[in-house]
PDB file of all heavy atoms in Angstrom:
ATOM      1  N   ALA A   1       5.781 -36.679 -13.591  1.00  0.00           N
ATOM      2  CA  ALA A   1       4.758 -36.266 -14.569  1.00  0.00           C
ATOM      3  C   ALA A   1       3.709 -37.355 -14.849  1.00  0.00           C
ATOM      4  O   ALA A   1       2.554 -37.039 -15.118  1.00  0.00           O
ATOM      5  CB  ALA A   1       5.423 -35.847 -15.871  1.00  0.00           C
ATOM      6  N   ASP A   2       4.098 -38.627 -14.727  1.00  0.00           N
ATOM      7  CA  ASP A   2       3.172 -39.734 -14.969  1.00  0.00           C
ATOM      8  C   ASP A   2       2.375 -40.120 -13.732  1.00  0.00           C
ATOM      9  O   ASP A   2       1.550 -41.029 -13.794  1.00  0.00           O
ATOM     10  CB  ASP A   2       3.919 -40.960 -15.482  1.00  0.00           C
ATOM     11  CG  ASP A   2       4.635 -40.712 -16.793  1.00  0.00           C
ATOM     12  OD1 ASP A   2       4.136 -39.890 -17.597  1.00  0.00           O
ATOM     13  OD2 ASP A   2       5.705 -41.328 -17.015  1.00  0.00           O
ATOM     14  N   GLU A   3       2.680 -39.499 -12.611  1.00  0.00           N
ATOM     15  CA  GLU A   3       2.079 -39.811 -11.313  1.00  0.00           C
ATOM     16  C   GLU A   3       2.276 -41.271 -10.901  1.00  0.00           C
ATOM     17  O   GLU A   3       1.419 -41.879 -10.287  1.00  0.00           O
ATOM     18  CB  GLU A   3       0.587 -39.444 -11.304  1.00  0.00           C
ATOM     19  CG  GLU A   3       0.348 -37.964 -11.451  1.00  0.00           C
ATOM     20  CD  GLU A   3      -1.128 -37.591 -11.351  1.00  0.00           C
ATOM     21  OE1 GLU A   3      -1.779 -38.033 -10.374  1.00  0.00           O
ATOM     22  OE2 GLU A   3      -1.599 -36.855 -12.233  1.00  0.00           O
ATOM     23  N   THR A   4       3.450 -41.808 -11.247  1.00  0.00           N
ATOM     24  CA  THR A   4       3.784 -43.169 -10.861  1.00  0.00           C
ATOM     25  C   THR A   4       4.809 -43.204  -9.735  1.00  0.00           C
ATOM     26  O   THR A   4       5.031 -44.260  -9.143  1.00  0.00           O
ATOM     27  CB  THR A   4       4.352 -43.955 -12.068  1.00  0.00           C
ATOM     28  OG1 THR A   4       5.478 -43.251 -12.590  1.00  0.00           O
ATOM     29  CG2 THR A   4       3.296 -44.118 -13.147  1.00  0.00           C
ATOM     30  N   GLU A   5       5.448 -42.067  -9.444  1.00  0.00           N
ATOM     31  CA  GLU A   5       6.479 -42.002  -8.421  1.00  0.00           C
ATOM     32  C   GLU A   5       6.282 -40.756  -7.556  1.00  0.00           C
ATOM     33  O   GLU A   5       6.328 -39.634  -8.063  1.00  0.00           O
ATOM     34  CB  GLU A   5       7.859 -41.972  -9.081  1.00  0.00           C
ATOM     35  CG  GLU A   5       9.000 -42.009  -8.110  1.00  0.00           C
ATOM     36  CD  GLU A   5      10.352 -41.953  -8.816  1.00  0.00           C
ATOM     37  OE1 GLU A   5      10.416 -41.969 -10.061  1.00  0.00           O
ATOM     38  OE2 GLU A   5      11.359 -41.885  -8.081  1.00  0.00           O
ATOM     39  N   LEU A   6       6.063 -40.967  -6.271  1.00  0.00           N
ATOM     40  CA  LEU A   6       5.930 -39.854  -5.323  1.00  0.00           C
ATOM     41  C   LEU A   6       7.331 -39.394  -4.953  1.00  0.00           C
ATOM     42  O   LEU A   6       8.166 -40.171  -4.515  1.00  0.00           O
ATOM     43  CB  LEU A   6       5.177 -40.310  -4.071  1.00  0.00           C
ATOM     44  CG  LEU A   6       4.959 -39.265  -2.980  1.00  0.00           C
ATOM     45  CD1 LEU A   6       4.132 -38.094  -3.492  1.00  0.00           C
ATOM     46  CD2 LEU A   6       4.310 -39.890  -1.762  1.00  0.00           C
ATOM     47  N   PHE A   7       7.603 -38.084  -5.158  1.00  0.00           N
ATOM     48  CA  PHE A   7       8.892 -37.509  -4.802  1.00  0.00           C
ATOM     49  C   PHE A   7       8.881 -37.000  -3.363  1.00  0.00           C
ATOM     50  O   PHE A   7       9.753 -37.322  -2.574  1.00  0.00           O
ATOM     51  CB  PHE A   7       9.258 -36.334  -5.713  1.00  0.00           C
ATOM     52  CG  PHE A   7       9.508 -36.688  -7.150  1.00  0.00           C
ATOM     53  CD1 PHE A   7       9.197 -35.780  -8.139  1.00  0.00           C
ATOM     54  CD2 PHE A   7      10.063 -37.902  -7.526  1.00  0.00           C
ATOM     55  CE1 PHE A   7       9.446 -36.063  -9.472  1.00  0.00           C
ATOM     56  CE2 PHE A   7      10.311 -38.194  -8.854  1.00  0.00           C
ATOM     57  CZ  PHE A   7       9.999 -37.273  -9.835  1.00  0.00           C
ATOM     58  N   LEU A   8       7.905 -36.147  -3.047  1.00  0.00           N
ATOM     59  CA  LEU A   8       7.833 -35.471  -1.757  1.00  0.00           C
ATOM     60  C   LEU A   8       6.385 -35.342  -1.318  1.00  0.00           C
ATOM     61  O   LEU A   8       5.482 -35.213  -2.145  1.00  0.00           O
ATOM     62  CB  LEU A   8       8.424 -34.058  -1.852  1.00  0.00           C
ATOM     63  CG  LEU A   8       9.898 -33.935  -2.194  1.00  0.00           C
ATOM     64  CD1 LEU A   8      10.202 -32.525  -2.697  1.00  0.00           C
ATOM     65  CD2 LEU A   8      10.730 -34.234  -0.962  1.00  0.00           C
ATOM     66  N   ALA A   9       6.177 -35.345  -0.004  1.00  0.00           N
ATOM     67  CA  ALA A   9       4.853 -35.076   0.559  1.00  0.00           C
ATOM     68  C   ALA A   9       5.066 -34.427   1.928  1.00  0.00           C
ATOM     69  O   ALA A   9       6.113 -34.594   2.534  1.00  0.00           O
ATOM     70  CB  ALA A   9       4.041 -36.353   0.696  1.00  0.00           C
ATOM     71  N   GLY A  10       4.062 -33.699   2.366  1.00  0.00           N
ATOM     72  CA  GLY A  10       4.188 -33.055   3.675  1.00  0.00           C
ATOM     73  C   GLY A  10       2.881 -32.460   4.146  1.00  0.00           C
ATOM     74  O   GLY A  10       1.881 -32.429   3.419  1.00  0.00           O
ATOM     75  N   ASP A  11       2.906 -32.009   5.371  1.00  0.00           N
ATOM     76  CA  ASP A  11       1.748 -31.400   6.003  1.00  0.00           C
ATOM     77  C   ASP A  11       1.949 -29.895   6.072  1.00  0.00           C
ATOM     78  O   ASP A  11       3.047 -29.422   6.381  1.00  0.00           O
ATOM     79  CB  ASP A  11       1.553 -31.964   7.407  1.00  0.00           C
ATOM     80  CG  ASP A  11       1.274 -33.458   7.379  1.00  0.00           C
ATOM     81  OD1 ASP A  11       0.548 -33.902   6.470  1.00  0.00           O
ATOM     82  OD2 ASP A  11       1.788 -34.173   8.247  1.00  0.00           O
ATOM     83  N   GLU A  12       0.883 -29.148   5.792  1.00  0.00           N
ATOM     84  CA  GLU A  12       0.943 -27.691   5.795  1.00  0.00           C
ATOM     85  C   GLU A  12      -0.295 -27.125   6.501  1.00  0.00           C
ATOM     86  O   GLU A  12      -1.310 -27.782   6.617  1.00  0.00           O
ATOM     87  CB  GLU A  12       0.935 -27.129   4.361  1.00  0.00           C
ATOM     88  CG  GLU A  12       2.099 -27.556   3.525  1.00  0.00           C
ATOM     89  CD  GLU A  12       2.013 -27.039   2.099  1.00  0.00           C
ATOM     90  OE1 GLU A  12       0.921 -27.043   1.498  1.00  0.00           O
ATOM     91  OE2 GLU A  12       3.041 -26.591   1.594  1.00  0.00           O
ATOM     92  N   ALA A  13      -0.160 -25.891   6.909  1.00  0.00           N
ATOM     93  CA  ALA A  13      -1.300 -25.119   7.417  1.00  0.00           C
ATOM     94  C   ALA A  13      -1.217 -23.758   6.758  1.00  0.00           C
ATOM     95  O   ALA A  13      -0.130 -23.220   6.545  1.00  0.00           O
ATOM     96  CB  ALA A  13      -1.233 -24.985   8.939  1.00  0.00           C
ATOM     97  N   GLY A  14      -2.381 -23.201   6.422  1.00  0.00           N
ATOM     98  CA  GLY A  14      -2.340 -21.937   5.705  1.00  0.00           C
ATOM     99  C   GLY A  14      -3.594 -21.112   5.837  1.00  0.00           C
ATOM    100  O   GLY A  14      -4.533 -21.477   6.540  1.00  0.00           O
ATOM    101  N   THR A  15      -3.586 -20.008   5.106  1.00  0.00           N
ATOM    102  CA  THR A  15      -4.676 -19.042   5.125  1.00  0.00           C
ATOM    103  C   THR A  15      -4.938 -18.574   3.694  1.00  0.00           C
ATOM    104  O   THR A  15      -4.005 -18.336   2.940  1.00  0.00           O
ATOM    105  CB  THR A  15      -4.324 -17.825   5.992  1.00  0.00           C
ATOM    106  OG1 THR A  15      -4.005 -18.283   7.298  1.00  0.00           O
ATOM    107  CG2 THR A  15      -5.459 -16.832   6.058  1.00  0.00           C
ATOM    108  N   THR A  16      -6.209 -18.446   3.366  1.00  0.00           N
ATOM    109  CA  THR A  16      -6.620 -17.875   2.094  1.00  0.00           C
ATOM    110  C   THR A  16      -7.412 -16.605   2.378  1.00  0.00           C
ATOM    111  O   THR A  16      -8.277 -16.587   3.250  1.00  0.00           O
ATOM    112  CB  THR A  16      -7.523 -18.844   1.305  1.00  0.00           C
ATOM    113  OG1 THR A  16      -6.768 -20.012   0.988  1.00  0.00           O
ATOM    114  CG2 THR A  16      -8.026 -18.230   0.029  1.00  0.00           C
ATOM    115  N   THR A  17      -7.121 -15.563   1.637  1.00  0.00           N
ATOM    116  CA  THR A  17      -7.923 -14.342   1.687  1.00  0.00           C
ATOM    117  C   THR A  17      -8.798 -14.351   0.430  1.00  0.00           C
ATOM    118  O   THR A  17      -8.300 -14.181  -0.665  1.00  0.00           O
ATOM    119  CB  THR A  17      -7.035 -13.080   1.710  1.00  0.00           C
ATOM    120  OG1 THR A  17      -6.154 -13.190   2.822  1.00  0.00           O
ATOM    121  CG2 THR A  17      -7.868 -11.827   1.825  1.00  0.00           C
ATOM    122  N   ALA A  18     -10.064 -14.632   0.628  1.00  0.00           N
ATOM    123  CA  ALA A  18     -10.999 -14.769  -0.490  1.00  0.00           C
ATOM    124  C   ALA A  18     -11.643 -13.426  -0.814  1.00  0.00           C
ATOM    125  O   ALA A  18     -12.314 -12.839   0.039  1.00  0.00           O
ATOM    126  CB  ALA A  18     -12.067 -15.793  -0.141  1.00  0.00           C
ATOM    127  N   ARG A  19     -11.443 -12.976  -2.030  1.00  0.00           N
ATOM    128  CA  ARG A  19     -12.051 -11.733  -2.495  1.00  0.00           C
ATOM    129  C   ARG A  19     -12.854 -12.083  -3.738  1.00  0.00           C
ATOM    130  O   ARG A  19     -12.299 -12.237  -4.831  1.00  0.00           O
ATOM    131  CB  ARG A  19     -10.974 -10.700  -2.793  1.00  0.00           C
ATOM    132  CG  ARG A  19     -10.121 -10.402  -1.586  1.00  0.00           C
ATOM    133  CD  ARG A  19      -9.010  -9.437  -1.876  1.00  0.00           C
ATOM    134  NE  ARG A  19      -8.363  -9.752  -3.161  1.00  0.00           N
ATOM    135  CZ  ARG A  19      -7.271  -9.193  -3.590  1.00  0.00           C
ATOM    136  NH1 ARG A  19      -6.679  -8.275  -2.885  1.00  0.00           N
ATOM    137  NH2 ARG A  19      -6.738  -9.516  -4.744  1.00  0.00           N
ATOM    138  N   GLN A  20     -14.139 -12.270  -3.584  1.00  0.00           N
ATOM    139  CA  GLN A  20     -15.009 -12.661  -4.704  1.00  0.00           C
ATOM    140  C   GLN A  20     -14.860 -11.699  -5.876  1.00  0.00           C
ATOM    141  O   GLN A  20     -14.865 -10.496  -5.710  1.00  0.00           O
ATOM    142  CB  GLN A  20     -16.474 -12.739  -4.253  1.00  0.00           C
ATOM    143  CG  GLN A  20     -16.736 -13.762  -3.174  1.00  0.00           C
ATOM    144  CD  GLN A  20     -16.541 -15.200  -3.666  1.00  0.00           C
ATOM    145  OE1 GLN A  20     -16.668 -15.493  -4.830  1.00  0.00           O
ATOM    146  NE2 GLN A  20     -16.233 -16.083  -2.730  1.00  0.00           N
ATOM    147  N   GLY A  21     -14.712 -12.248  -7.071  1.00  0.00           N
ATOM    148  CA  GLY A  21     -14.604 -11.435  -8.270  1.00  0.00           C
ATOM    149  C   GLY A  21     -13.202 -10.916  -8.549  1.00  0.00           C
ATOM    150  O   GLY A  21     -12.954 -10.319  -9.579  1.00  0.00           O
ATOM    151  N   LYS A  22     -12.290 -11.117  -7.635  1.00  0.00           N
ATOM    152  CA  LYS A  22     -10.895 -10.675  -7.794  1.00  0.00           C
ATOM    153  C   LYS A  22      -9.980 -11.844  -7.476  1.00  0.00           C
ATOM    154  O   LYS A  22     -10.418 -12.868  -6.940  1.00  0.00           O
ATOM    155  CB  LYS A  22     -10.590  -9.516  -6.828  1.00  0.00           C
ATOM    156  CG  LYS A  22     -11.460  -8.300  -7.023  1.00  0.00           C
ATOM    157  CD  LYS A  22     -11.092  -7.244  -6.007  1.00  0.00           C
ATOM    158  CE  LYS A  22     -11.991  -6.024  -6.159  1.00  0.00           C
ATOM    159  NZ  LYS A  22     -11.695  -5.024  -5.144  1.00  0.00           N
ATOM    160  N   ASN A  23      -8.689 -11.680  -7.791  1.00  0.00           N
ATOM    161  CA  ASN A  23      -7.734 -12.715  -7.395  1.00  0.00           C
ATOM    162  C   ASN A  23      -7.736 -12.841  -5.881  1.00  0.00           C
ATOM    163  O   ASN A  23      -7.792 -11.850  -5.163  1.00  0.00           O
ATOM    164  CB  ASN A  23      -6.319 -12.351  -7.862  1.00  0.00           C
ATOM    165  CG  ASN A  23      -6.133 -12.545  -9.342  1.00  0.00           C
ATOM    166  OD1 ASN A  23      -6.946 -13.146 -10.013  1.00  0.00           O
ATOM    167  ND2 ASN A  23      -5.031 -12.024  -9.846  1.00  0.00           N
ATOM    168  N   SER A  24      -7.726 -14.076  -5.419  1.00  0.00           N
ATOM    169  CA  SER A  24      -7.631 -14.334  -3.984  1.00  0.00           C
ATOM    170  C   SER A  24      -6.239 -14.876  -3.685  1.00  0.00           C
ATOM    171  O   SER A  24      -5.657 -15.611  -4.477  1.00  0.00           O
ATOM    172  CB  SER A  24      -8.706 -15.332  -3.555  1.00  0.00           C
ATOM    173  OG  SER A  24      -9.975 -14.746  -3.755  1.00  0.00           O
ATOM    174  N   ASN A  25      -5.711 -14.518  -2.533  1.00  0.00           N
ATOM    175  CA  ASN A  25      -4.345 -14.891  -2.161  1.00  0.00           C
ATOM    176  C   ASN A  25      -4.351 -15.994  -1.105  1.00  0.00           C
ATOM    177  O   ASN A  25      -5.257 -16.057  -0.270  1.00  0.00           O
ATOM    178  CB  ASN A  25      -3.599 -13.672  -1.612  1.00  0.00           C
ATOM    179  CG  ASN A  25      -3.530 -12.557  -2.635  1.00  0.00           C
ATOM    180  OD1 ASN A  25      -3.276 -12.787  -3.804  1.00  0.00           O
ATOM    181  ND2 ASN A  25      -3.802 -11.345  -2.190  1.00  0.00           N
ATOM    182  N   TRP A  26      -3.311 -16.813  -1.121  1.00  0.00           N
ATOM    183  CA  TRP A  26      -3.160 -17.868  -0.120  1.00  0.00           C
ATOM    184  C   TRP A  26      -1.678 -18.043   0.201  1.00  0.00           C
ATOM    185  O   TRP A  26      -0.810 -17.659  -0.579  1.00  0.00           O
ATOM    186  CB  TRP A  26      -3.761 -19.184  -0.615  1.00  0.00           C
ATOM    187  CG  TRP A  26      -3.105 -19.706  -1.870  1.00  0.00           C
ATOM    188  CD1 TRP A  26      -3.453 -19.396  -3.154  1.00  0.00           C
ATOM    189  CD2 TRP A  26      -1.998 -20.596  -1.963  1.00  0.00           C
ATOM    190  NE1 TRP A  26      -2.611 -20.031  -4.034  1.00  0.00           N
ATOM    191  CE2 TRP A  26      -1.722 -20.789  -3.335  1.00  0.00           C
ATOM    192  CE3 TRP A  26      -1.208 -21.262  -1.011  1.00  0.00           C
ATOM    193  CZ2 TRP A  26      -0.695 -21.610  -3.781  1.00  0.00           C
ATOM    194  CZ3 TRP A  26      -0.181 -22.071  -1.470  1.00  0.00           C
ATOM    195  CH2 TRP A  26       0.052 -22.235  -2.826  1.00  0.00           C
ATOM    196  N   ARG A  27      -1.433 -18.616   1.359  1.00  0.00           N
ATOM    197  CA  ARG A  27      -0.056 -18.931   1.755  1.00  0.00           C
ATOM    198  C   ARG A  27      -0.089 -20.052   2.780  1.00  0.00           C
ATOM    199  O   ARG A  27      -0.990 -20.104   3.601  1.00  0.00           O
ATOM    200  CB  ARG A  27       0.671 -17.676   2.219  1.00  0.00           C
ATOM    201  CG  ARG A  27       0.843 -17.485   3.657  1.00  0.00           C
ATOM    202  CD  ARG A  27       1.602 -16.230   4.046  1.00  0.00           C
ATOM    203  NE  ARG A  27       2.740 -16.006   3.192  1.00  0.00           N
ATOM    204  CZ  ARG A  27       3.259 -14.835   2.919  1.00  0.00           C
ATOM    205  NH1 ARG A  27       2.729 -13.759   3.443  1.00  0.00           N
ATOM    206  NH2 ARG A  27       4.312 -14.703   2.165  1.00  0.00           N
ATOM    207  N   THR A  28       0.924 -20.943   2.698  1.00  0.00           N
ATOM    208  CA  THR A  28       1.030 -22.057   3.654  1.00  0.00           C
ATOM    209  C   THR A  28       2.478 -22.215   4.111  1.00  0.00           C
ATOM    210  O   THR A  28       3.417 -21.833   3.427  1.00  0.00           O
ATOM    211  CB  THR A  28       0.597 -23.404   3.018  1.00  0.00           C
ATOM    212  OG1 THR A  28       1.514 -23.742   1.978  1.00  0.00           O
ATOM    213  CG2 THR A  28      -0.799 -23.358   2.482  1.00  0.00           C
ATOM    214  N   ASN A  29       2.614 -22.826   5.253  1.00  0.00           N
ATOM    215  CA  ASN A  29       3.910 -23.245   5.781  1.00  0.00           C
ATOM    216  C   ASN A  29       3.755 -24.664   6.275  1.00  0.00           C
ATOM    217  O   ASN A  29       2.696 -25.023   6.813  1.00  0.00           O
ATOM    218  CB  ASN A  29       4.362 -22.335   6.923  1.00  0.00           C
ATOM    219  CG  ASN A  29       4.683 -20.946   6.441  1.00  0.00           C
ATOM    220  OD1 ASN A  29       5.519 -20.773   5.571  1.00  0.00           O
ATOM    221  ND2 ASN A  29       4.002 -19.956   6.987  1.00  0.00           N
ATOM    222  N   GLY A  30       4.782 -25.474   6.100  1.00  0.00           N
ATOM    223  CA  GLY A  30       4.672 -26.859   6.517  1.00  0.00           C
ATOM    224  C   GLY A  30       6.023 -27.531   6.678  1.00  0.00           C
ATOM    225  O   GLY A  30       7.069 -26.893   6.747  1.00  0.00           O
ATOM    226  N   THR A  31       5.951 -28.865   6.686  1.00  0.00           N
ATOM    227  CA  THR A  31       7.126 -29.709   6.875  1.00  0.00           C
ATOM    228  C   THR A  31       7.055 -30.891   5.923  1.00  0.00           C
ATOM    229  O   THR A  31       5.988 -31.496   5.760  1.00  0.00           O
ATOM    230  CB  THR A  31       7.192 -30.238   8.317  1.00  0.00           C
ATOM    231  OG1 THR A  31       7.177 -29.121   9.206  1.00  0.00           O
ATOM    232  CG2 THR A  31       8.429 -31.060   8.566  1.00  0.00           C
ATOM    233  N   VAL A  32       8.185 -31.238   5.316  1.00  0.00           N
ATOM    234  CA  VAL A  32       8.254 -32.419   4.464  1.00  0.00           C
ATOM    235  C   VAL A  32       8.236 -33.662   5.363  1.00  0.00           C
ATOM    236  O   VAL A  32       9.097 -33.802   6.227  1.00  0.00           O
ATOM    237  CB  VAL A  32       9.533 -32.403   3.588  1.00  0.00           C
ATOM    238  CG1 VAL A  32       9.653 -33.681   2.769  1.00  0.00           C
ATOM    239  CG2 VAL A  32       9.551 -31.176   2.695  1.00  0.00           C
ATOM    240  N   THR A  33       7.243 -34.515   5.179  1.00  0.00           N
ATOM    241  CA  THR A  33       7.095 -35.718   6.012  1.00  0.00           C
ATOM    242  C   THR A  33       7.454 -36.996   5.249  1.00  0.00           C
ATOM    243  O   THR A  33       7.622 -38.046   5.877  1.00  0.00           O
ATOM    244  CB  THR A  33       5.668 -35.843   6.549  1.00  0.00           C
ATOM    245  OG1 THR A  33       4.754 -35.882   5.447  1.00  0.00           O
ATOM    246  CG2 THR A  33       5.332 -34.672   7.463  1.00  0.00           C
ATOM    247  N   GLU A  34       7.535 -36.902   3.914  1.00  0.00           N
ATOM    248  CA  GLU A  34       7.935 -38.044   3.101  1.00  0.00           C
ATOM    249  C   GLU A  34       8.839 -37.531   1.990  1.00  0.00           C
ATOM    250  O   GLU A  34       8.544 -36.506   1.368  1.00  0.00           O
ATOM    251  CB  GLU A  34       6.710 -38.739   2.448  1.00  0.00           C
ATOM    252  CG  GLU A  34       5.763 -39.348   3.445  1.00  0.00           C
ATOM    253  CD  GLU A  34       4.564 -39.976   2.743  1.00  0.00           C
ATOM    254  OE1 GLU A  34       4.775 -40.755   1.776  1.00  0.00           O
ATOM    255  OE2 GLU A  34       3.430 -39.688   3.147  1.00  0.00           O
ATOM    256  N   ALA A  35       9.934 -38.259   1.742  1.00  0.00           N
ATOM    257  CA  ALA A  35      10.875 -37.869   0.687  1.00  0.00           C
ATOM    258  C   ALA A  35      11.518 -39.145   0.151  1.00  0.00           C
ATOM    259  O   ALA A  35      11.978 -39.977   0.933  1.00  0.00           O
ATOM    260  CB  ALA A  35      11.924 -36.914   1.232  1.00  0.00           C
ATOM    261  N   TYR A  36      11.540 -39.270  -1.172  1.00  0.00           N
ATOM    262  CA  TYR A  36      12.019 -40.507  -1.786  1.00  0.00           C
ATOM    263  C   TYR A  36      13.061 -40.219  -2.856  1.00  0.00           C
ATOM    264  O   TYR A  36      13.104 -39.139  -3.444  1.00  0.00           O
ATOM    265  CB  TYR A  36      10.841 -41.258  -2.409  1.00  0.00           C
ATOM    266  CG  TYR A  36       9.767 -41.562  -1.387  1.00  0.00           C
ATOM    267  CD1 TYR A  36       8.628 -40.762  -1.292  1.00  0.00           C
ATOM    268  CD2 TYR A  36       9.904 -42.632  -0.501  1.00  0.00           C
ATOM    269  CE1 TYR A  36       7.653 -41.022  -0.353  1.00  0.00           C
ATOM    270  CE2 TYR A  36       8.927 -42.897   0.449  1.00  0.00           C
ATOM    271  CZ  TYR A  36       7.804 -42.086   0.506  1.00  0.00           C
ATOM    272  OH  TYR A  36       6.849 -42.347   1.455  1.00  0.00           O
ATOM    273  N   GLY A  37      13.896 -41.246  -3.118  1.00  0.00           N
ATOM    274  CA  GLY A  37      14.893 -41.168  -4.188  1.00  0.00           C
ATOM    275  C   GLY A  37      15.854 -40.033  -3.974  1.00  0.00           C
ATOM    276  O   GLY A  37      16.377 -39.836  -2.876  1.00  0.00           O
ATOM    277  N   GLU A  38      16.083 -39.271  -5.036  1.00  0.00           N
ATOM    278  CA  GLU A  38      17.054 -38.173  -4.972  1.00  0.00           C
ATOM    279  C   GLU A  38      16.612 -37.051  -4.027  1.00  0.00           C
ATOM    280  O   GLU A  38      17.406 -36.158  -3.732  1.00  0.00           O
ATOM    281  CB  GLU A  38      17.296 -37.604  -6.370  1.00  0.00           C
ATOM    282  CG  GLU A  38      16.084 -36.922  -6.980  1.00  0.00           C
ATOM    283  CD  GLU A  38      16.322 -36.440  -8.394  1.00  0.00           C
ATOM    284  OE1 GLU A  38      16.941 -35.362  -8.562  1.00  0.00           O
ATOM    285  OE2 GLU A  38      15.892 -37.142  -9.318  1.00  0.00           O
ATOM    286  N   PHE A  39      15.393 -37.084  -3.529  1.00  0.00           N
ATOM    287  CA  PHE A  39      14.882 -36.043  -2.643  1.00  0.00           C
ATOM    288  C   PHE A  39      14.914 -36.429  -1.154  1.00  0.00           C
ATOM    289  O   PHE A  39      14.411 -35.711  -0.312  1.00  0.00           O
ATOM    290  CB  PHE A  39      13.471 -35.642  -3.060  1.00  0.00           C
ATOM    291  CG  PHE A  39      13.388 -35.175  -4.472  1.00  0.00           C
ATOM    292  CD1 PHE A  39      12.925 -36.001  -5.473  1.00  0.00           C
ATOM    293  CD2 PHE A  39      13.836 -33.911  -4.814  1.00  0.00           C
ATOM    294  CE1 PHE A  39      12.870 -35.580  -6.792  1.00  0.00           C
ATOM    295  CE2 PHE A  39      13.799 -33.468  -6.135  1.00  0.00           C
ATOM    296  CZ  PHE A  39      13.315 -34.307  -7.121  1.00  0.00           C
ATOM    297  N   GLU A  40      15.499 -37.580  -0.827  1.00  0.00           N
ATOM    298  CA  GLU A  40      15.520 -38.066   0.560  1.00  0.00           C
ATOM    299  C   GLU A  40      16.099 -37.069   1.548  1.00  0.00           C
ATOM    300  O   GLU A  40      15.677 -37.004   2.696  1.00  0.00           O
ATOM    301  CB  GLU A  40      16.301 -39.383   0.643  1.00  0.00           C
ATOM    302  CG  GLU A  40      15.552 -40.558   0.089  1.00  0.00           C
ATOM    303  CD  GLU A  40      16.355 -41.845   0.185  1.00  0.00           C
ATOM    304  OE1 GLU A  40      17.599 -41.786   0.357  1.00  0.00           O
ATOM    305  OE2 GLU A  40      15.734 -42.920   0.082  1.00  0.00           O
ATOM    306  N   ASP A  41      17.080 -36.283   1.112  1.00  0.00           N
ATOM    307  CA  ASP A  41      17.732 -35.320   2.012  1.00  0.00           C
ATOM    308  C   ASP A  41      16.784 -34.195   2.456  1.00  0.00           C
ATOM    309  O   ASP A  41      17.116 -33.443   3.359  1.00  0.00           O
ATOM    310  CB  ASP A  41      18.946 -34.686   1.355  1.00  0.00           C
ATOM    311  CG  ASP A  41      20.111 -35.659   1.247  1.00  0.00           C
ATOM    312  OD1 ASP A  41      20.100 -36.686   1.946  1.00  0.00           O
ATOM    313  OD2 ASP A  41      21.029 -35.393   0.458  1.00  0.00           O
ATOM    314  N   TRP A  42      15.628 -34.077   1.822  1.00  0.00           N
ATOM    315  CA  TRP A  42      14.714 -32.982   2.144  1.00  0.00           C
ATOM    316  C   TRP A  42      13.716 -33.372   3.233  1.00  0.00           C
ATOM    317  O   TRP A  42      12.920 -32.546   3.663  1.00  0.00           O
ATOM    318  CB  TRP A  42      13.988 -32.519   0.883  1.00  0.00           C
ATOM    319  CG  TRP A  42      14.978 -31.983  -0.113  1.00  0.00           C
ATOM    320  CD1 TRP A  42      15.482 -32.630  -1.197  1.00  0.00           C
ATOM    321  CD2 TRP A  42      15.638 -30.729  -0.048  1.00  0.00           C
ATOM    322  NE1 TRP A  42      16.406 -31.833  -1.827  1.00  0.00           N
ATOM    323  CE2 TRP A  42      16.520 -30.663  -1.140  1.00  0.00           C
ATOM    324  CE3 TRP A  42      15.573 -29.641   0.827  1.00  0.00           C
ATOM    325  CZ2 TRP A  42      17.329 -29.555  -1.393  1.00  0.00           C
ATOM    326  CZ3 TRP A  42      16.380 -28.541   0.569  1.00  0.00           C
ATOM    327  CH2 TRP A  42      17.244 -28.509  -0.529  1.00  0.00           C
TER     328      TRP A  42
END
């Protein structure tokens, strides 16, 4: 919450369906490339 400790990071690729004036949808898939502390197993 304080942005002093990075837990996880990764690379993703995705698609957004942009509909002006309405909710737009997005989705991504990726891989965890960095994991620290209690999240190392990920």
